[in-house]
Amino acid sequence: MSTPTTADLELDCRGMLCPLPIIELGKRYAEVAVGGLVAVVATDVAARTDVPAWCRMRGQEYVGEELADDGSPRYVVRRVS
């Protein structure tokens, strides 16, 4: 199993249902400097499509999906602006 990408900010959204993980990402991504990484750990299956869609709508870079240490999905976003 590979080591998760080091993120500047990790949002623990386990147990939150749609749209709460995206709301949390939208509220907090600006805490990271441009070029920095935000990881969203979310157990809601909608996050798999919601996080990349949010990145397209907000002009941010979707880096990809990986697994957190506990096996939960972890979605990585690079702040572009």
PDB file of N, CA and C in Angstrom:
ATOM      1  N   MET A   1       0.840  -1.177   0.000  1.00  0.00           N
ATOM      2  CA  MET A   1       0.000   0.000   0.000  1.00  0.00           C
ATOM      3  C   MET A   1       0.885   1.241   0.000  1.00  0.00           C
ATOM      4  N   SER A   2       0.570   2.210  -0.830  1.00  0.00           N
ATOM      5  CA  SER A   2       1.398   3.402  -0.926  1.00  0.00           C
ATOM      6  C   SER A   2       1.052   4.395   0.182  1.00  0.00           C
ATOM      7  N   THR A   3       2.021   5.243   0.490  1.00  0.00           N
ATOM      8  CA  THR A   3       1.838   6.270   1.505  1.00  0.00           C
ATOM      9  C   THR A   3       1.002   7.413   0.921  1.00  0.00           C
ATOM     10  N   PRO A   4       0.006   7.900   1.671  1.00  0.00           N
ATOM     11  CA  PRO A   4      -0.798   9.022   1.166  1.00  0.00           C
ATOM     12  C   PRO A   4       0.063  10.255   0.891  1.00  0.00           C
ATOM     13  N   THR A   5      -0.348  11.024  -0.099  1.00  0.00           N
ATOM     14  CA  THR A   5       0.304  12.276  -0.445  1.00  0.00           C
ATOM     15  C   THR A   5       0.280  13.213   0.759  1.00  0.00           C
ATOM     16  N   THR A   6       1.389  13.893   1.001  1.00  0.00           N
ATOM     17  CA  THR A   6       1.423  14.868   2.086  1.00  0.00           C
ATOM     18  C   THR A   6       0.635  16.100   1.658  1.00  0.00           C
ATOM     19  N   ALA A   7      -0.357  16.466   2.460  1.00  0.00           N
ATOM     20  CA  ALA A   7      -1.199  17.623   2.160  1.00  0.00           C
ATOM     21  C   ALA A   7      -0.912  18.732   3.165  1.00  0.00           C
ATOM     22  N   ASP A   8      -1.104  19.961   2.726  1.00  0.00           N
ATOM     23  CA  ASP A   8      -0.950  21.105   3.616  1.00  0.00           C
ATOM     24  C   ASP A   8      -2.134  21.219   4.573  1.00  0.00           C
ATOM     25  N   LEU A   9      -3.278  20.701   4.143  1.00  0.00           N
ATOM     26  CA  LEU A   9      -4.499  20.717   4.951  1.00  0.00           C
ATOM     27  C   LEU A   9      -5.271  19.446   4.655  1.00  0.00           C
ATOM     28  N   GLU A  10      -5.662  18.730   5.688  1.00  0.00           N
ATOM     29  CA  GLU A  10      -6.482  17.530   5.497  1.00  0.00           C
ATOM     30  C   GLU A  10      -7.825  17.746   6.191  1.00  0.00           C
ATOM     31  N   LEU A  11      -8.883  17.565   5.433  1.00  0.00           N
ATOM     32  CA  LEU A  11     -10.234  17.734   5.953  1.00  0.00           C
ATOM     33  C   LEU A  11     -10.831  16.361   6.237  1.00  0.00           C
ATOM     34  N   ASP A  12     -11.189  16.122   7.470  1.00  0.00           N
ATOM     35  CA  ASP A  12     -11.795  14.851   7.851  1.00  0.00           C
ATOM     36  C   ASP A  12     -13.307  14.987   7.708  1.00  0.00           C
ATOM     37  N   CYS A  13     -13.812  14.489   6.606  1.00  0.00           N
ATOM     38  CA  CYS A  13     -15.239  14.568   6.315  1.00  0.00           C
ATOM     39  C   CYS A  13     -15.897  13.190   6.385  1.00  0.00           C
ATOM     40  N   ARG A  14     -15.274  12.268   7.086  1.00  0.00           N
ATOM     41  CA  ARG A  14     -15.855  10.937   7.255  1.00  0.00           C
ATOM     42  C   ARG A  14     -17.225  11.067   7.915  1.00  0.00           C
ATOM     43  N   GLY A  15     -18.197  10.342   7.381  1.00  0.00           N
ATOM     44  CA  GLY A  15     -19.537  10.349   7.955  1.00  0.00           C
ATOM     45  C   GLY A  15     -20.417  11.503   7.508  1.00  0.00           C
ATOM     46  N   MET A  16     -19.849  12.495   6.843  1.00  0.00           N
ATOM     47  CA  MET A  16     -20.649  13.615   6.335  1.00  0.00           C
ATOM     48  C   MET A  16     -21.294  13.218   5.016  1.00  0.00           C
ATOM     49  N   LEU A  17     -22.554  13.571   4.849  1.00  0.00           N
ATOM     50  CA  LEU A  17     -23.252  13.279   3.603  1.00  0.00           C
ATOM     51  C   LEU A  17     -23.217  14.491   2.687  1.00  0.00           C
ATOM     52  N   CYS A  18     -23.393  14.232   1.393  1.00  0.00           N
ATOM     53  CA  CYS A  18     -23.447  15.271   0.373  1.00  0.00           C
ATOM     54  C   CYS A  18     -24.507  16.293   0.764  1.00  0.00           C
ATOM     55  N   PRO A  19     -24.212  17.550   0.678  1.00  0.00           N
ATOM     56  CA  PRO A  19     -23.050  18.224   0.093  1.00  0.00           C
ATOM     57  C   PRO A  19     -22.017  18.684   1.118  1.00  0.00           C
ATOM     58  N   LEU A  20     -22.073  18.185   2.347  1.00  0.00           N
ATOM     59  CA  LEU A  20     -21.214  18.712   3.409  1.00  0.00           C
ATOM     60  C   LEU A  20     -19.708  18.623   3.126  1.00  0.00           C
ATOM     61  N   PRO A  21     -19.169  17.524   2.551  1.00  0.00           N
ATOM     62  CA  PRO A  21     -17.727  17.535   2.258  1.00  0.00           C
ATOM     63  C   PRO A  21     -17.327  18.650   1.281  1.00  0.00           C
ATOM     64  N   ILE A  22     -18.172  18.936   0.301  1.00  0.00           N
ATOM     65  CA  ILE A  22     -17.859  19.990  -0.671  1.00  0.00           C
ATOM     66  C   ILE A  22     -17.988  21.368  -0.035  1.00  0.00           C
ATOM     67  N   ILE A  23     -18.972  21.535   0.828  1.00  0.00           N
ATOM     68  CA  ILE A  23     -19.110  22.809   1.548  1.00  0.00           C
ATOM     69  C   ILE A  23     -17.867  23.054   2.399  1.00  0.00           C
ATOM     70  N   GLU A  24     -17.404  22.021   3.078  1.00  0.00           N
ATOM     71  CA  GLU A  24     -16.194  22.147   3.909  1.00  0.00           C
ATOM     72  C   GLU A  24     -14.982  22.495   3.040  1.00  0.00           C
ATOM     73  N   LEU A  25     -14.821  21.826   1.914  1.00  0.00           N
ATOM     74  CA  LEU A  25     -13.726  22.133   0.995  1.00  0.00           C
ATOM     75  C   LEU A  25     -13.814  23.581   0.525  1.00  0.00           C
ATOM     76  N   GLY A  26     -14.990  24.016   0.136  1.00  0.00           N
ATOM     77  CA  GLY A  26     -15.173  25.385  -0.339  1.00  0.00           C
ATOM     78  C   GLY A  26     -14.870  26.434   0.712  1.00  0.00           C
ATOM     79  N   LYS A  27     -15.171  26.134   1.965  1.00  0.00           N
ATOM     80  CA  LYS A  27     -14.918  27.085   3.052  1.00  0.00           C
ATOM     81  C   LYS A  27     -13.450  27.144   3.431  1.00  0.00           C
ATOM     82  N   ARG A  28     -12.721  26.034   3.259  1.00  0.00           N
ATOM     83  CA  ARG A  28     -11.398  25.945   3.867  1.00  0.00           C
ATOM     84  C   ARG A  28     -10.213  25.912   2.914  1.00  0.00           C
ATOM     85  N   TYR A  29     -10.444  25.697   1.605  1.00  0.00           N
ATOM     86  CA  TYR A  29      -9.292  25.531   0.706  1.00  0.00           C
ATOM     87  C   TYR A  29      -8.403  26.767   0.661  1.00  0.00           C
ATOM     88  N   ALA A  30      -8.965  27.956   0.893  1.00  0.00           N
ATOM     89  CA  ALA A  30      -8.175  29.187   0.845  1.00  0.00           C
ATOM     90  C   ALA A  30      -7.200  29.302   2.018  1.00  0.00           C
ATOM     91  N   GLU A  31      -7.290  28.409   2.991  1.00  0.00           N
ATOM     92  CA  GLU A  31      -6.324  28.402   4.096  1.00  0.00           C
ATOM     93  C   GLU A  31      -4.948  27.936   3.620  1.00  0.00           C
ATOM     94  N   VAL A  32      -4.914  27.306   2.448  1.00  0.00           N
ATOM     95  CA  VAL A  32      -3.676  26.764   1.881  1.00  0.00           C
ATOM     96  C   VAL A  32      -3.140  27.759   0.853  1.00  0.00           C
ATOM     97  N   ALA A  33      -1.843  27.941   0.834  1.00  0.00           N
ATOM     98  CA  ALA A  33      -1.227  28.838  -0.146  1.00  0.00           C
ATOM     99  C   ALA A  33      -1.434  28.296  -1.559  1.00  0.00           C
ATOM    100  N   VAL A  34      -1.417  29.198  -2.538  1.00  0.00           N
ATOM    101  CA  VAL A  34      -1.492  28.777  -3.934  1.00  0.00           C
ATOM    102  C   VAL A  34      -0.368  27.782  -4.200  1.00  0.00           C
ATOM    103  N   GLY A  35      -0.706  26.671  -4.831  1.00  0.00           N
ATOM    104  CA  GLY A  35       0.249  25.591  -5.072  1.00  0.00           C
ATOM    105  C   GLY A  35       0.197  24.508  -4.020  1.00  0.00           C
ATOM    106  N   GLY A  36      -0.466  24.791  -2.899  1.00  0.00           N
ATOM    107  CA  GLY A  36      -0.573  23.822  -1.818  1.00  0.00           C
ATOM    108  C   GLY A  36      -1.641  22.773  -2.081  1.00  0.00           C
ATOM    109  N   LEU A  37      -1.621  21.734  -1.266  1.00  0.00           N
ATOM    110  CA  LEU A  37      -2.544  20.619  -1.431  1.00  0.00           C
ATOM    111  C   LEU A  37      -3.527  20.531  -0.275  1.00  0.00           C
ATOM    112  N   VAL A  38      -4.769  20.230  -0.637  1.00  0.00           N
ATOM    113  CA  VAL A  38      -5.820  19.957   0.337  1.00  0.00           C
ATOM    114  C   VAL A  38      -6.284  18.527   0.100  1.00  0.00           C
ATOM    115  N   ALA A  39      -6.380  17.744   1.156  1.00  0.00           N
ATOM    116  CA  ALA A  39      -6.912  16.388   1.057  1.00  0.00           C
ATOM    117  C   ALA A  39      -8.264  16.345   1.754  1.00  0.00           C
ATOM    118  N   VAL A  40      -9.232  15.754   1.080  1.00  0.00           N
ATOM    119  CA  VAL A  40     -10.569  15.594   1.643  1.00  0.00           C
ATOM    120  C   VAL A  40     -10.778  14.095   1.861  1.00  0.00           C
ATOM    121  N   VAL A  41     -10.885  13.689   3.114  1.00  0.00           N
ATOM    122  CA  VAL A  41     -11.163  12.291   3.429  1.00  0.00           C
ATOM    123  C   VAL A  41     -12.667  12.198   3.637  1.00  0.00           C
ATOM    124  N   ALA A  42     -13.331  11.484   2.749  1.00  0.00           N
ATOM    125  CA  ALA A  42     -14.792  11.439   2.780  1.00  0.00           C
ATOM    126  C   ALA A  42     -15.285  10.026   2.488  1.00  0.00           C
ATOM    127  N   THR A  43     -16.225   9.569   3.302  1.00  0.00           N
ATOM    128  CA  THR A  43     -16.804   8.244   3.113  1.00  0.00           C
ATOM    129  C   THR A  43     -18.064   8.283   2.257  1.00  0.00           C
ATOM    130  N   ASP A  44     -18.609   9.460   2.011  1.00  0.00           N
ATOM    131  CA  ASP A  44     -19.801   9.577   1.164  1.00  0.00           C
ATOM    132  C   ASP A  44     -19.414   9.281  -0.286  1.00  0.00           C
ATOM    133  N   VAL A  45     -20.108   8.341  -0.925  1.00  0.00           N
ATOM    134  CA  VAL A  45     -19.746   7.935  -2.283  1.00  0.00           C
ATOM    135  C   VAL A  45     -19.869   9.077  -3.290  1.00  0.00           C
ATOM    136  N   ALA A  46     -20.712  10.061  -3.016  1.00  0.00           N
ATOM    137  CA  ALA A  46     -20.879  11.186  -3.940  1.00  0.00           C
ATOM    138  C   ALA A  46     -19.610  12.033  -4.045  1.00  0.00           C
ATOM    139  N   ALA A  47     -18.755  11.986  -3.034  1.00  0.00           N
ATOM    140  CA  ALA A  47     -17.524  12.787  -3.061  1.00  0.00           C
ATOM    141  C   ALA A  47     -16.635  12.407  -4.240  1.00  0.00           C
ATOM    142  N   ARG A  48     -16.701  11.162  -4.688  1.00  0.00           N
ATOM    143  CA  ARG A  48     -15.876  10.702  -5.811  1.00  0.00           C
ATOM    144  C   ARG A  48     -16.145  11.539  -7.070  1.00  0.00           C
ATOM    145  N   THR A  49     -17.369  11.959  -7.289  1.00  0.00           N
ATOM    146  CA  THR A  49     -17.686  12.814  -8.442  1.00  0.00           C
ATOM    147  C   THR A  49     -17.764  14.283  -8.054  1.00  0.00           C
ATOM    148  N   ASP A  50     -18.153  14.560  -6.817  1.00  0.00           N
ATOM    149  CA  ASP A  50     -18.326  15.953  -6.381  1.00  0.00           C
ATOM    150  C   ASP A  50     -17.011  16.728  -6.291  1.00  0.00           C
ATOM    151  N   VAL A  51     -15.959  16.089  -5.771  1.00  0.00           N
ATOM    152  CA  VAL A  51     -14.688  16.815  -5.614  1.00  0.00           C
ATOM    153  C   VAL A  51     -14.097  17.203  -6.971  1.00  0.00           C
ATOM    154  N   PRO A  52     -13.993  16.284  -7.943  1.00  0.00           N
ATOM    155  CA  PRO A  52     -13.492  16.708  -9.259  1.00  0.00           C
ATOM    156  C   PRO A  52     -14.391  17.765  -9.926  1.00  0.00           C
ATOM    157  N   ALA A  53     -15.712  17.646  -9.755  1.00  0.00           N
ATOM    158  CA  ALA A  53     -16.628  18.632 -10.332  1.00  0.00           C
ATOM    159  C   ALA A  53     -16.419  19.998  -9.690  1.00  0.00           C
ATOM    160  N   TRP A  54     -16.220  20.022  -8.376  1.00  0.00           N
ATOM    161  CA  TRP A  54     -15.968  21.279  -7.678  1.00  0.00           C
ATOM    162  C   TRP A  54     -14.686  21.911  -8.213  1.00  0.00           C
ATOM    163  N   CYS A  55     -13.655  21.096  -8.434  1.00  0.00           N
ATOM    164  CA  CYS A  55     -12.386  21.612  -8.965  1.00  0.00           C
ATOM    165  C   CYS A  55     -12.584  22.243 -10.341  1.00  0.00           C
ATOM    166  N   ARG A  56     -13.338  21.588 -11.208  1.00  0.00           N
ATOM    167  CA  ARG A  56     -13.596  22.155 -12.548  1.00  0.00           C
ATOM    168  C   ARG A  56     -14.348  23.477 -12.437  1.00  0.00           C
ATOM    169  N   MET A  57     -15.349  23.522 -11.570  1.00  0.00           N
ATOM    170  CA  MET A  57     -16.161  24.740 -11.432  1.00  0.00           C
ATOM    171  C   MET A  57     -15.383  25.879 -10.792  1.00  0.00           C
ATOM    172  N   ARG A  58     -14.458  25.561  -9.904  1.00  0.00           N
ATOM    173  CA  ARG A  58     -13.699  26.591  -9.180  1.00  0.00           C
ATOM    174  C   ARG A  58     -12.323  26.864  -9.767  1.00  0.00           C
ATOM    175  N   GLY A  59     -11.962  26.152 -10.835  1.00  0.00           N
ATOM    176  CA  GLY A  59     -10.663  26.378 -11.465  1.00  0.00           C
ATOM    177  C   GLY A  59      -9.492  25.879 -10.640  1.00  0.00           C
ATOM    178  N   GLN A  60      -9.711  24.848  -9.840  1.00  0.00           N
ATOM    179  CA  GLN A  60      -8.639  24.250  -9.045  1.00  0.00           C
ATOM    180  C   GLN A  60      -8.240  22.927  -9.689  1.00  0.00           C
ATOM    181  N   GLU A  61      -7.104  22.390  -9.310  1.00  0.00           N
ATOM    182  CA  GLU A  61      -6.604  21.153  -9.931  1.00  0.00           C
ATOM    183  C   GLU A  61      -6.958  19.934  -9.083  1.00  0.00           C
ATOM    184  N   TYR A  62      -7.641  18.992  -9.694  1.00  0.00           N
ATOM    185  CA  TYR A  62      -7.918  17.725  -9.025  1.00  0.00           C
ATOM    186  C   TYR A  62      -6.705  16.829  -9.240  1.00  0.00           C
ATOM    187  N   VAL A  63      -6.013  16.488  -8.170  1.00  0.00           N
ATOM    188  CA  VAL A  63      -4.792  15.684  -8.258  1.00  0.00           C
ATOM    189  C   VAL A  63      -5.136  14.202  -8.361  1.00  0.00           C
ATOM    190  N   GLY A  64      -6.128  13.752  -7.599  1.00  0.00           N
ATOM    191  CA  GLY A  64      -6.526  12.358  -7.690  1.00  0.00           C
ATOM    192  C   GLY A  64      -7.056  11.801  -6.396  1.00  0.00           C
ATOM    193  N   GLU A  65      -7.355  10.517  -6.461  1.00  0.00           N
ATOM    194  CA  GLU A  65      -7.914   9.787  -5.320  1.00  0.00           C
ATOM    195  C   GLU A  65      -6.905   8.764  -4.833  1.00  0.00           C
ATOM    196  N   GLU A  66      -6.845   8.614  -3.527  1.00  0.00           N
ATOM    197  CA  GLU A  66      -6.010   7.594  -2.910  1.00  0.00           C
ATOM    198  C   GLU A  66      -6.719   7.132  -1.645  1.00  0.00           C
ATOM    199  N   LEU A  67      -6.067   6.305  -0.876  1.00  0.00           N
ATOM    200  CA  LEU A  67      -6.667   5.821   0.359  1.00  0.00           C
ATOM    201  C   LEU A  67      -5.986   6.435   1.567  1.00  0.00           C
ATOM    202  N   ALA A  68      -6.798   6.827   2.555  1.00  0.00           N
ATOM    203  CA  ALA A  68      -6.269   7.275   3.835  1.00  0.00           C
ATOM    204  C   ALA A  68      -5.753   6.049   4.590  1.00  0.00           C
ATOM    205  N   ASP A  69      -5.076   6.270   5.695  1.00  0.00           N
ATOM    206  CA  ASP A  69      -4.511   5.167   6.483  1.00  0.00           C
ATOM    207  C   ASP A  69      -5.561   4.138   6.897  1.00  0.00           C
ATOM    208  N   ASP A  70      -6.796   4.582   7.118  1.00  0.00           N
ATOM    209  CA  ASP A  70      -7.848   3.661   7.552  1.00  0.00           C
ATOM    210  C   ASP A  70      -8.619   3.045   6.383  1.00  0.00           C
ATOM    211  N   GLY A  71      -8.179   3.333   5.140  1.00  0.00           N
ATOM    212  CA  GLY A  71      -8.837   2.784   3.966  1.00  0.00           C
ATOM    213  C   GLY A  71      -9.951   3.646   3.406  1.00  0.00           C
ATOM    214  N   SER A  72     -10.236   4.766   4.042  1.00  0.00           N
ATOM    215  CA  SER A  72     -11.264   5.687   3.530  1.00  0.00           C
ATOM    216  C   SER A  72     -10.743   6.394   2.283  1.00  0.00           C
ATOM    217  N   PRO A  73     -11.639   6.723   1.352  1.00  0.00           N
ATOM    218  CA  PRO A  73     -11.214   7.480   0.178  1.00  0.00           C
ATOM    219  C   PRO A  73     -10.681   8.861   0.582  1.00  0.00           C
ATOM    220  N   ARG A  74      -9.627   9.264  -0.115  1.00  0.00           N
ATOM    221  CA  ARG A  74      -8.964  10.553   0.154  1.00  0.00           C
ATOM    222  C   ARG A  74      -8.767  11.241  -1.193  1.00  0.00           C
ATOM    223  N   TYR A  75      -9.363  12.420  -1.332  1.00  0.00           N
ATOM    224  CA  TYR A  75      -9.344  13.152  -2.600  1.00  0.00           C
ATOM    225  C   TYR A  75      -8.415  14.353  -2.442  1.00  0.00           C
ATOM    226  N   VAL A  76      -7.459  14.475  -3.368  1.00  0.00           N
ATOM    227  CA  VAL A  76      -6.423  15.514  -3.237  1.00  0.00           C
ATOM    228  C   VAL A  76      -6.645  16.600  -4.282  1.00  0.00           C
ATOM    229  N   VAL A  77      -6.599  17.851  -3.812  1.00  0.00           N
ATOM    230  CA  VAL A  77      -6.838  19.031  -4.627  1.00  0.00           C
ATOM    231  C   VAL A  77      -5.647  19.976  -4.478  1.00  0.00           C
ATOM    232  N   ARG A  78      -5.168  20.527  -5.608  1.00  0.00           N
ATOM    233  CA  ARG A  78      -4.114  21.547  -5.563  1.00  0.00           C
ATOM    234  C   ARG A  78      -4.768  22.903  -5.754  1.00  0.00           C
ATOM    235  N   ARG A  79      -4.466  23.835  -4.841  1.00  0.00           N
ATOM    236  CA  ARG A  79      -4.989  25.201  -4.975  1.00  0.00           C
ATOM    237  C   ARG A  79      -4.228  25.903  -6.085  1.00  0.00           C
ATOM    238  N   VAL A  80      -4.948  26.357  -7.094  1.00  0.00           N
ATOM    239  CA  VAL A  80      -4.351  27.022  -8.259  1.00  0.00           C
ATOM    240  C   VAL A  80      -4.452  28.536  -8.130  1.00  0.00           C
ATOM    241  N   SER A  81      -5.528  29.002  -7.550  1.00  0.00           N
ATOM    242  CA  SER A  81      -5.706  30.466  -7.401  1.00  0.00           C
ATOM    243  C   SER A  81      -6.416  30.773  -6.102  1.00  0.00           C
TER     244      SER A  81
END
